[in-house]
Amino acid sequence: MGQLVFGGVADGGPADRAGLHRGDILQALNGEGLDDVADFYKKLWASGPAGVVVKLRLERDNDGFEVTVRSGDRGKYHKLDSSV
């Protein structure tokens, strides 16, 4: 649908701590619009190493808002599946 929508939020991760929810629509990172998931990660990683503060513009229930999030190492927030 041409939107970046949070499919889920890792418990205890940066998005969870910032109060983001499944279904939130991500519109911009540090004031720059986002084209797709790859563009989001390119801009996020270009912002600096894990721990850098970034500003996200989002939409929830037709209301726009901004949050400041301290990025994290995503490997710390993903559960490993031991059956693989």
Foldseek 3Di string as FASTA:
>chain_A
DQWDFAQADFVPFQCVVQPDGGGKTWADKQPHGARDPVRVVVVVVVQDDQQHKIKTWIDDPNDIDITITRGHDVVVRDDDDPVD
